[in-house]
Amino acid sequence: MTQNDYRYMIFVVVAVLVLTALASWVFLEAIS
């Protein structure tokens, strides 16, 4: 695995976490 692949994997993981947190926040705001 090259350095670029590693960075891309980290980027994807961070992006998924951010999107999940954002979706959860929007959902909680909507039901409150």
C-alpha atoms as a PDB file:
ATOM      1  CA  MET A   1       0.000   0.000   0.000  1.00  0.00           C
ATOM      2  CA  THR A   2       1.453   3.334  -1.035  1.00  0.00           C
ATOM      3  CA  GLN A   3       1.460   6.542   0.971  1.00  0.00           C
ATOM      4  CA  ASN A   4      -1.211   8.029  -1.293  1.00  0.00           C
ATOM      5  CA  ASP A   5      -3.512   5.052  -0.741  1.00  0.00           C
ATOM      6  CA  TYR A   6      -3.067   5.454   3.008  1.00  0.00           C
ATOM      7  CA  ARG A   7      -3.917   9.161   2.874  1.00  0.00           C
ATOM      8  CA  TYR A   8      -6.954   8.441   0.709  1.00  0.00           C
ATOM      9  CA  MET A   9      -8.194   5.839   3.195  1.00  0.00           C
ATOM     10  CA  ILE A  10      -7.797   8.290   6.089  1.00  0.00           C
ATOM     11  CA  PHE A  11      -9.656  10.950   4.082  1.00  0.00           C
ATOM     12  CA  VAL A  12     -12.533   8.571   3.324  1.00  0.00           C
ATOM     13  CA  VAL A  13     -12.839   7.495   6.971  1.00  0.00           C
ATOM     14  CA  VAL A  14     -12.875  11.116   8.169  1.00  0.00           C
ATOM     15  CA  ALA A  15     -15.428  12.090   5.518  1.00  0.00           C
ATOM     16  CA  VAL A  16     -17.735   9.227   6.521  1.00  0.00           C
ATOM     17  CA  LEU A  17     -17.476  10.153  10.206  1.00  0.00           C
ATOM     18  CA  VAL A  18     -18.243  13.809   9.477  1.00  0.00           C
ATOM     19  CA  LEU A  19     -21.223  12.926   7.281  1.00  0.00           C
ATOM     20  CA  THR A  20     -22.543  10.522   9.912  1.00  0.00           C
ATOM     21  CA  ALA A  21     -22.223  13.130  12.667  1.00  0.00           C
ATOM     22  CA  LEU A  22     -23.891  15.750  10.481  1.00  0.00           C
ATOM     23  CA  ALA A  23     -26.755  13.416   9.565  1.00  0.00           C
ATOM     24  CA  SER A  24     -27.271  12.491  13.230  1.00  0.00           C
ATOM     25  CA  TRP A  25     -27.343  16.165  14.243  1.00  0.00           C
ATOM     26  CA  VAL A  26     -29.862  17.028  11.510  1.00  0.00           C
ATOM     27  CA  PHE A  27     -32.012  14.046  12.515  1.00  0.00           C
ATOM     28  CA  LEU A  28     -31.984  15.027  16.189  1.00  0.00           C
ATOM     29  CA  GLU A  29     -32.827  18.628  15.305  1.00  0.00           C
ATOM     30  CA  ALA A  30     -35.721  17.436  13.145  1.00  0.00           C
ATOM     31  CA  ILE A  31     -37.337  15.247  15.830  1.00  0.00           C
ATOM     32  CA  SER A  32     -36.855  17.641  18.727  1.00  0.00           C
END
